[in-house]
Amino acid sequence: MARIFEGARVTDSTLAETVTIGDRSIVTGSELLDAVRIQRDNYIQASRIGSFSYTGQSTRIFAARIGRFCSLSWNVSVGPSEHRMDSLTTHALNHDHSWGVFTEEALPVTKFAGETVIGHDVWIGCGAFVKKGVHVAEGCVIGANSVLGRDTEPYGIYAGSPARLIRFRHPPEIIAALAGLNLYDRPDDTVLAAMRHVAGRPLDMALIQELHRLL
């Protein structure tokens, strides 16, 4: 059974038995898969979080699809709604019926249109902001306090406001070999076995060949 700590609230959501929800966090309309860990004071809405991914404190996730083995630090924002700038007003009444100006059915702006996608094995540093509708490719790193407003390339390291590509985690031949490995299409136990085998060693082609034989 999922561990839900003091003051946390879960509504209209599906949780795997190994999920942990920290103090005062809110999870609504979402699906959390095996071994997901949500720290305290999070808000997760209309999202799907893959197995073994986790968040730090005070992180906010909206209408996002997050892959497996992702690391989201504290105070991260993923996919929040935006204010319309090309209309008469930027006010939230355009997408929030609680102001009483529009009924829920007649809102001129759909609050969470445009799913944000975070690939597998992505690390997002503390205080980073990922714009609604962005696709973050597998293996990326997003630096602390960065503002990411565009799609990324696999295994890229992005930082800044606006975030830009700093470099890649691995050389091109390693990135291509990782794509051929299809590691995150495999069961969790297989992924964990690969991680144990590598044991934190820097990747090179010889090690990837070992993983091919292992898998």
Foldseek 3Di string as FASTA:
>chain_A
DEAEDALEEEECEAEDNQEYAEHNEYAYLEYEDANEYEYHQEYHYNEYAEHPEYEAANEYEYQEYEYYNEYHYYQEYEQFFAFDDPDPDSDCVLADCVVVPDDNVPRNDDRRPAYEYHYYCEYEAALEYEHGNEYEYAQEYEYHNEYDDHYDDHQFYWYDDPTDTPGGPDPPVVSVLVVVLVLRVDDPVLNVVLCVVCVPPDDDPVSSVVSSVSD
